[in-house]
Amino acid sequence: MTPDQLEYFRDLFTQRIEGLLGEAGKTVSEMTGGTESFPDVTDRASQESDRNFELRIRDRERKLVKKLSEALQRIDDGTFGICKVCGKDISEKRLMARPITTLCIGCKTKQEEQEKQRGE
């Protein structure tokens, strides 16, 4: 990968992490700031359902932040864009579609086929 391409991905990951962490901060302040009480149990249940949904989204984003941080580390290590299974370069097209990937399309296809055979 060229230095310009690596810098592009570094900026992309950094911006994405900052955005996700900002959203998480907003969620925390929204959930801790309000002390609404609902006389109707249906309204209360609806609020709890919405909160659970929001927390599930934030948990997924937390995992994405971890993957983005690992991708930044791979850029620093010089292993970004290299398949962790076969050691070949991951195509630029694949990296543009899924920048945090660690597998080339061939190895990912094999992995999915094996998972399918095992019933996962």
Protein backbone atom coordinates (compact mmCIF):
# COMPACT_ATOMS: atom_id res chain seq x y z
CA MET A 1 0.00 0.00 0.00
CA THR A 2 1.15 3.49 -0.73
CA PRO A 3 1.67 5.98 2.09
CA ASP A 4 -1.23 8.06 0.73
CA GLN A 5 -3.56 5.08 0.89
CA LEU A 6 -2.48 4.27 4.44
CA GLU A 7 -3.02 7.88 5.46
CA TYR A 8 -6.49 7.79 3.90
CA PHE A 9 -7.44 4.75 5.97
CA ARG A 10 -5.84 6.19 9.12
CA ASP A 11 -7.94 9.36 8.75
CA LEU A 12 -11.06 7.32 7.96
CA PHE A 13 -10.63 5.14 11.06
CA THR A 14 -9.79 8.06 13.33
CA GLN A 15 -12.84 10.05 12.21
CA ARG A 16 -15.07 7.01 12.58
CA ILE A 17 -13.81 6.31 16.12
CA GLU A 18 -14.32 9.93 17.16
CA GLY A 19 -17.85 9.91 15.74
CA LEU A 20 -18.79 6.65 17.48
CA LEU A 21 -17.36 7.79 20.80
CA GLY A 22 -19.24 11.09 20.49
CA GLU A 23 -22.51 9.23 19.95
CA ALA A 24 -21.79 6.99 22.94
CA GLY A 25 -21.20 10.07 25.09
CA LYS A 26 -24.52 11.56 24.01
CA THR A 27 -26.31 8.33 24.84
CA VAL A 28 -24.80 8.19 28.31
CA SER A 29 -25.78 11.77 29.10
CA GLU A 30 -29.31 11.25 27.74
CA MET A 31 -29.82 8.09 29.78
CA THR A 32 -28.42 9.51 33.00
CA GLY A 33 -29.95 12.97 32.68
CA GLY A 34 -33.65 12.17 32.63
CA THR A 35 -35.75 11.02 35.54
CA GLU A 36 -39.04 10.59 33.77
CA SER A 37 -41.76 8.68 35.49
CA PHE A 38 -44.56 7.12 33.54
CA PRO A 39 -47.86 6.38 35.24
CA ASP A 40 -48.79 4.02 32.42
CA VAL A 41 -46.96 0.70 32.45
CA THR A 42 -47.17 0.52 28.65
CA ASP A 43 -45.29 3.81 28.31
CA ARG A 44 -42.69 2.60 30.79
CA ALA A 45 -42.28 -0.69 28.90
CA SER A 46 -41.90 1.20 25.63
CA GLN A 47 -39.18 3.39 27.15
CA GLU A 48 -37.34 0.33 28.49
CA SER A 49 -37.56 -1.33 25.09
CA ASP A 50 -36.14 1.79 23.41
CA ARG A 51 -33.31 1.94 25.96
CA ASN A 52 -32.45 -1.72 25.44
CA PHE A 53 -32.38 -1.19 21.68
CA GLU A 54 -30.12 1.85 22.09
CA LEU A 55 -27.77 -0.08 24.37
CA ARG A 56 -27.53 -2.95 21.86
CA ILE A 57 -26.59 -0.47 19.15
CA ARG A 58 -23.94 1.11 21.38
CA ASP A 59 -22.54 -2.34 22.21
CA ARG A 60 -22.15 -3.10 18.51
CA GLU A 61 -20.49 0.27 18.02
CA ARG A 62 -18.14 -0.47 20.96
CA LYS A 63 -17.04 -3.63 19.16
CA LEU A 64 -16.56 -1.65 15.95
CA VAL A 65 -14.38 0.89 17.80
CA LYS A 66 -12.21 -2.00 18.96
CA LYS A 67 -11.88 -3.32 15.40
CA LEU A 68 -11.07 0.16 14.08
CA SER A 69 -8.40 0.57 16.77
CA GLU A 70 -6.92 -2.80 15.80
CA ALA A 71 -6.88 -1.68 12.15
CA LEU A 72 -5.02 1.49 13.16
CA GLN A 73 -2.53 -0.70 15.00
CA ARG A 74 -2.06 -2.80 11.85
CA ILE A 75 -1.33 0.39 9.90
CA ASP A 76 1.34 1.26 12.49
CA ASP A 77 2.74 -2.29 12.39
CA GLY A 78 2.86 -2.35 8.60
CA THR A 79 0.48 -5.30 8.36
CA PHE A 80 -2.63 -3.43 7.22
CA GLY A 81 -3.97 -4.75 3.93
CA ILE A 82 -2.20 -8.09 4.29
CA CYS A 83 -4.28 -11.25 4.74
CA LYS A 84 -3.61 -12.84 8.13
CA VAL A 85 -4.14 -16.36 6.71
CA CYS A 86 -2.26 -16.48 3.40
CA GLY A 87 -0.09 -13.37 3.70
CA LYS A 88 -1.13 -11.97 0.32
CA ASP A 89 -2.27 -8.39 -0.25
CA ILE A 90 -5.96 -7.71 0.28
CA SER A 91 -7.38 -6.01 -2.79
CA GLU A 92 -8.03 -2.29 -2.63
CA LYS A 93 -11.60 -2.92 -3.75
CA ARG A 94 -12.17 -5.21 -0.72
CA LEU A 95 -10.55 -2.73 1.65
CA MET A 96 -12.79 0.04 0.35
CA ALA A 97 -15.86 -2.14 0.91
CA ARG A 98 -14.77 -3.43 4.34
CA PRO A 99 -11.77 -1.47 5.60
CA ILE A 100 -11.38 -3.40 8.86
CA THR A 101 -11.08 -6.78 7.15
CA THR A 102 -8.12 -9.01 7.94
CA LEU A 103 -8.78 -11.62 5.24
CA CYS A 104 -8.49 -11.49 1.47
CA ILE A 105 -11.62 -12.45 -0.45
CA GLY A 106 -10.32 -15.95 -1.19
CA CYS A 107 -9.60 -16.79 2.46
CA LYS A 108 -12.87 -15.21 3.62
CA THR A 109 -14.82 -17.27 1.08
CA LYS A 110 -13.09 -20.45 2.29
CA GLN A 111 -13.83 -19.53 5.91
CA GLU A 112 -17.52 -18.98 5.17
CA GLU A 113 -17.76 -22.27 3.27
CA GLN A 114 -16.22 -24.14 6.22
CA GLU A 115 -18.61 -22.43 8.65
CA LYS A 116 -21.52 -23.39 6.42
CA GLN A 117 -20.39 -27.02 6.33
CA ARG A 118 -20.10 -27.09 10.13
CA GLY A 119 -23.56 -25.53 10.41
CA GLU A 120 -22.43 -22.33 12.11
